[in-house]
């Protein structure tokens, strides 16, 4: 039963990030039941889903979001060079940087690069970094294990990563990092806003959004050596590696 439970945990983790990061109670229960059925089929078993196991599986939704924000915080500090030193100078520099990145609460980097050069929204290598760290560390991870869910990279997953990035930056708005729980009451509005923007852009530029989603998956495969093609892919075919790296905030 342990293997079935472990597999069900991984399936729920994949379903949450690729479909709905903060599902309502009924939807989460459906995720749990579907995952349990699928895990039994994978292991050729027919175990009954007990209340205790169901409760344990339900906690996976909170855990995966906590893992997402944990990895994102590291990526944000590295990408934007926030200073964790406990000095007034560092705090002021962090505050200014956070305000430049997210003026009036808006995710500035979806619109501009370095405040000057127009940039196509939703293209940023930090998305790839977090995607790889969460789901493509090895060939048994959820990305390779459940390609139907991850190929191409789903919009809800991109929205979750981007909302976690924005959330992590906002923690520096007063200079000193103010760590906040990445929970529904605080984080879901950011998540839903980014998902809405992605959907709206997809309606007007479907090939553009599909290209981003496909490239994220192909790059993740390349990192694991899953593709035969060794070409170093950029977020856009006509964008050089130098231009792509310059699109870091």
Protein backbone atom coordinates (compact mmCIF):
# COMPACT_ATOMS: atom_id res chain seq x y z
CA UNK A 1 0.00 0.00 0.00
CA UNK A 2 2.95 2.30 0.60
CA UNK A 3 3.87 2.36 -3.09
CA UNK A 4 0.28 3.10 -4.11
CA UNK A 5 0.11 5.96 -1.60
CA UNK A 6 3.46 7.36 -2.75
CA UNK A 7 2.36 7.28 -6.39
CA UNK A 8 -0.97 8.91 -5.52
CA UNK A 9 0.94 11.70 -3.74
CA UNK A 10 2.96 12.38 -6.87
CA UNK A 11 -0.13 12.36 -9.09
CA UNK A 12 -1.92 14.85 -6.82
CA UNK A 13 1.19 17.04 -6.82
CA UNK A 14 1.15 17.01 -10.61
CA UNK A 15 -2.60 17.65 -10.86
CA UNK A 16 -2.51 20.60 -8.45
CA UNK A 17 0.24 22.50 -10.24
CA UNK A 18 -1.00 21.75 -13.76
CA UNK A 19 -4.73 22.32 -13.19
CA UNK A 20 -5.51 24.42 -10.11
CA UNK A 21 -3.04 25.42 -7.40
CA UNK A 22 -5.81 26.21 -4.90
CA UNK A 23 -8.73 23.91 -5.76
CA UNK A 24 -12.01 24.15 -3.90
CA UNK A 25 -12.76 21.33 -1.47
CA UNK A 26 -14.88 19.35 -3.93
CA UNK A 27 -12.27 19.63 -6.67
CA UNK A 28 -9.48 18.57 -4.32
CA UNK A 29 -11.48 15.52 -3.25
CA UNK A 30 -11.91 14.63 -6.92
CA UNK A 31 -8.13 14.98 -7.41
CA UNK A 32 -7.56 12.62 -4.47
CA UNK A 33 -10.01 9.98 -5.69
CA UNK A 34 -8.70 10.10 -9.27
CA UNK A 35 -5.09 9.88 -8.06
CA UNK A 36 -5.89 6.90 -5.85
CA UNK A 37 -7.63 5.08 -8.70
CA UNK A 38 -4.76 5.81 -11.08
CA UNK A 39 -2.13 4.71 -8.55
CA UNK A 40 -3.95 1.42 -7.97
CA UNK A 41 -4.04 0.81 -11.71
CA UNK A 42 -0.33 1.57 -12.06
CA UNK A 43 0.59 -0.94 -9.35
CA UNK A 44 -2.15 -3.45 -10.26
CA UNK A 45 -3.76 -3.17 -6.85
CA UNK A 46 -7.25 -2.52 -5.53
CA UNK A 47 -6.74 -0.83 -2.17
CA UNK A 48 -9.61 1.05 -0.52
CA UNK A 49 -9.06 4.76 0.08
CA UNK A 50 -9.38 5.20 3.85
CA UNK A 51 -10.21 8.49 5.55
CA UNK A 52 -6.73 8.71 7.07
CA UNK A 53 -5.00 8.18 3.74
CA UNK A 54 -7.38 10.60 2.03
CA UNK A 55 -6.61 13.26 4.65
CA UNK A 56 -2.88 12.68 4.20
CA UNK A 57 -3.18 13.00 0.42
CA UNK A 58 -5.18 16.21 0.81
CA UNK A 59 -2.23 17.85 2.53
CA UNK A 60 -0.20 17.45 -0.65
CA UNK A 61 -1.80 20.55 -2.13
CA UNK A 62 -0.42 22.75 0.65
CA UNK A 63 2.95 21.03 0.58
CA UNK A 64 3.53 21.49 -3.13
CA UNK A 65 2.72 25.20 -2.92
CA UNK A 66 5.12 25.53 0.03
CA UNK A 67 7.81 23.78 -2.00
CA UNK A 68 7.14 26.10 -4.94
CA UNK A 69 7.58 29.27 -2.88
CA UNK A 70 10.68 27.85 -1.19
CA UNK A 71 12.47 27.20 -4.47
CA UNK A 72 11.20 30.47 -5.92
CA UNK A 73 12.61 32.52 -3.05
CA UNK A 74 16.07 31.15 -3.78
CA UNK A 75 15.69 31.81 -7.51
CA UNK A 76 14.44 35.37 -6.93
CA UNK A 77 17.34 36.29 -4.63
CA UNK A 78 19.83 34.92 -7.16
CA UNK A 79 18.16 36.45 -10.24
CA UNK A 80 17.63 39.94 -8.85
CA UNK A 81 20.58 40.06 -6.45
CA UNK A 82 18.58 40.90 -3.35
CA UNK A 83 20.89 41.40 -0.39
CA UNK A 84 20.06 39.35 2.70
CA UNK A 85 22.55 41.26 4.87
CA UNK A 86 20.96 42.69 8.05
CA UNK A 87 22.06 46.25 7.30
CA UNK A 88 20.11 49.43 6.67
CA UNK A 89 21.94 49.92 3.36
CA UNK A 90 20.95 46.45 2.13
CA UNK A 91 17.35 46.94 3.22
CA UNK A 92 17.06 50.23 1.37
CA UNK A 93 18.58 48.75 -1.79
CA UNK A 94 16.15 45.83 -1.59
CA UNK A 95 13.18 48.16 -1.12
CA UNK A 96 14.10 50.27 -4.14
CA UNK A 97 14.66 47.19 -6.27
CA UNK A 98 11.33 45.64 -5.30
CA UNK A 99 9.48 48.87 -6.09
CA UNK A 100 11.15 49.07 -9.50
CA UNK A 101 10.21 45.48 -10.28
CA UNK A 102 6.63 45.78 -9.07
CA UNK A 103 5.47 49.41 -9.09
CA UNK A 104 2.04 49.73 -7.47
CA UNK A 105 1.85 45.95 -7.13
CA UNK A 106 2.11 45.19 -10.84
CA UNK A 107 4.49 42.54 -12.09
CA UNK A 108 6.69 45.02 -13.96
CA UNK A 109 8.86 42.48 -15.73
CA UNK A 110 5.93 41.05 -17.68
CA UNK A 111 5.98 44.30 -19.61
CA UNK A 112 9.54 45.66 -19.64
CA UNK A 113 13.16 44.65 -19.49
CA UNK A 114 15.33 46.94 -17.38
CA UNK A 115 12.54 49.52 -17.53
CA UNK A 116 13.51 50.50 -21.08
CA UNK A 117 13.37 47.80 -23.73
CA UNK A 118 10.01 46.33 -24.73
CA UNK A 119 9.84 42.65 -23.87
CA UNK A 120 7.33 40.01 -24.85
CA UNK A 121 5.34 39.04 -21.75
CA UNK A 122 5.81 35.75 -19.93
CA UNK A 123 9.30 35.13 -21.32
CA UNK A 124 11.78 34.82 -18.50
CA UNK A 125 14.42 32.22 -17.76
CA UNK A 126 13.45 32.15 -14.07
CA UNK A 127 10.32 30.24 -15.14
CA UNK A 128 12.51 27.56 -16.69
CA UNK A 129 14.77 27.43 -13.66
CA UNK A 130 11.90 26.82 -11.23
CA UNK A 131 10.14 24.38 -13.57
CA UNK A 132 13.31 22.29 -13.82
CA UNK A 133 13.99 22.43 -10.08
CA UNK A 134 10.46 21.35 -9.21
CA UNK A 135 9.60 18.71 -11.80
CA UNK A 136 12.60 17.78 -13.98
CA UNK A 137 15.45 16.99 -11.59
CA UNK A 138 15.55 13.36 -12.69
CA UNK A 139 13.77 11.04 -15.06
CA UNK A 140 11.42 9.78 -12.35
CA UNK A 141 10.13 13.27 -11.52
CA UNK A 142 6.56 14.26 -12.32
CA UNK A 143 7.46 16.03 -15.57
CA UNK A 144 8.87 12.97 -17.36
CA UNK A 145 6.60 10.54 -15.44
CA UNK A 146 3.31 12.21 -16.40
CA UNK A 147 3.86 13.83 -19.81
CA UNK A 148 0.13 14.12 -20.46
CA UNK A 149 -0.03 16.69 -17.66
CA UNK A 150 3.19 18.58 -18.39
CA UNK A 151 3.50 18.65 -22.18
CA UNK A 152 3.35 21.37 -23.17
CA UNK A 153 3.88 23.27 -19.91
CA UNK A 154 0.35 24.12 -18.72
CA UNK A 155 -0.80 27.69 -18.22
CA UNK A 156 -1.75 27.07 -14.55
CA UNK A 157 1.81 25.90 -13.87
CA UNK A 158 3.31 28.99 -15.50
CA UNK A 159 0.86 31.16 -13.55
CA UNK A 160 1.82 29.45 -10.29
CA UNK A 161 5.52 30.05 -10.90
CA UNK A 162 5.04 33.69 -11.92
CA UNK A 163 2.75 34.42 -8.98
CA UNK A 164 5.33 32.86 -6.65
CA UNK A 165 8.01 35.10 -8.21
CA UNK A 166 5.87 38.19 -7.68
CA UNK A 167 5.06 37.07 -4.13
CA UNK A 168 8.76 36.60 -3.37
CA UNK A 169 9.62 40.05 -4.69
CA UNK A 170 6.83 41.64 -2.66
CA UNK A 171 8.36 40.17 0.48
CA UNK A 172 11.18 42.70 -0.02
CA UNK A 173 8.96 45.76 -0.47
CA UNK A 174 9.95 47.05 2.98
CA UNK A 175 13.62 46.20 2.46
CA UNK A 176 14.00 43.37 4.94
CA UNK A 177 12.49 40.13 3.71
CA UNK A 178 9.07 39.69 5.29
CA UNK A 179 8.35 36.01 4.73
CA UNK A 180 4.65 35.36 4.17
CA UNK A 181 2.85 32.04 3.93
CA UNK A 182 2.03 31.21 0.31
CA UNK A 183 -1.60 30.40 1.06
CA UNK A 184 -4.88 30.86 -0.75
CA UNK A 185 -6.07 34.03 1.00
CA UNK A 186 -2.90 35.92 0.05
CA UNK A 187 -1.52 34.17 -3.01
CA UNK A 188 -4.57 33.04 -4.98
CA UNK A 189 -5.45 36.58 -6.20
CA UNK A 190 -1.97 36.90 -7.75
CA UNK A 191 -2.24 33.42 -9.25
CA UNK A 192 -5.67 34.06 -10.75
CA UNK A 193 -4.56 37.43 -12.13
CA UNK A 194 -1.54 35.98 -13.94
CA UNK A 195 -3.59 33.04 -15.22
CA UNK A 196 -6.17 35.48 -16.54
CA UNK A 197 -3.47 37.51 -18.31
CA UNK A 198 -2.03 34.34 -19.85
CA UNK A 199 -5.47 33.29 -21.08
CA UNK A 200 -6.19 36.72 -22.52
CA UNK A 201 -2.85 36.75 -24.34
CA UNK A 202 -3.53 33.25 -25.62
CA UNK A 203 -6.84 34.41 -27.09
CA UNK A 204 -5.13 37.16 -29.09
CA UNK A 205 -1.77 35.44 -29.73
CA UNK A 206 -2.34 31.66 -29.50
CA UNK A 207 0.84 30.67 -31.33
CA UNK A 208 2.95 32.89 -29.09
CA UNK A 209 1.70 31.35 -25.84
CA UNK A 210 1.84 27.83 -27.26
CA UNK A 211 5.43 28.46 -28.33
CA UNK A 212 6.41 29.48 -24.80
CA UNK A 213 4.71 26.41 -23.31
CA UNK A 214 6.36 24.03 -25.78
CA UNK A 215 9.79 25.60 -25.34
CA UNK A 216 9.65 25.30 -21.55
CA UNK A 217 9.00 21.58 -21.91
CA UNK A 218 11.66 21.04 -24.57
CA UNK A 219 14.27 22.86 -22.52
CA UNK A 220 13.38 20.77 -19.48
CA UNK A 221 13.83 17.64 -21.59
CA UNK A 222 17.18 18.86 -22.82
CA UNK A 223 18.37 19.34 -19.24
CA UNK A 224 17.63 15.67 -18.57
CA UNK A 225 19.00 14.45 -21.90
CA UNK A 226 15.55 13.25 -22.95
CA UNK A 227 15.77 14.76 -26.44
CA UNK A 228 18.08 13.67 -29.22
CA UNK A 229 18.49 17.24 -30.44
CA UNK A 230 21.28 18.96 -28.50
CA UNK A 231 20.34 22.41 -29.78
CA UNK A 232 20.36 25.03 -27.03
CA UNK A 233 16.83 26.39 -27.27
CA UNK A 234 15.86 29.96 -26.42
CA UNK A 235 12.46 31.24 -25.36
CA UNK A 236 12.00 32.42 -28.93
CA UNK A 237 13.65 30.96 -32.02
CA UNK A 238 14.87 34.31 -33.34
CA UNK A 239 16.23 35.44 -29.96
CA UNK A 240 19.93 34.91 -29.34
CA UNK A 241 21.19 33.41 -26.08
CA UNK A 242 22.66 36.80 -25.15
CA UNK A 243 19.33 38.54 -25.72
CA UNK A 244 17.53 35.85 -23.78
CA UNK A 245 19.85 36.12 -20.79
CA UNK A 246 19.49 39.91 -20.97
CA UNK A 247 15.77 39.44 -20.37
CA UNK A 248 16.55 38.67 -16.75
CA UNK A 249 15.01 41.43 -14.66
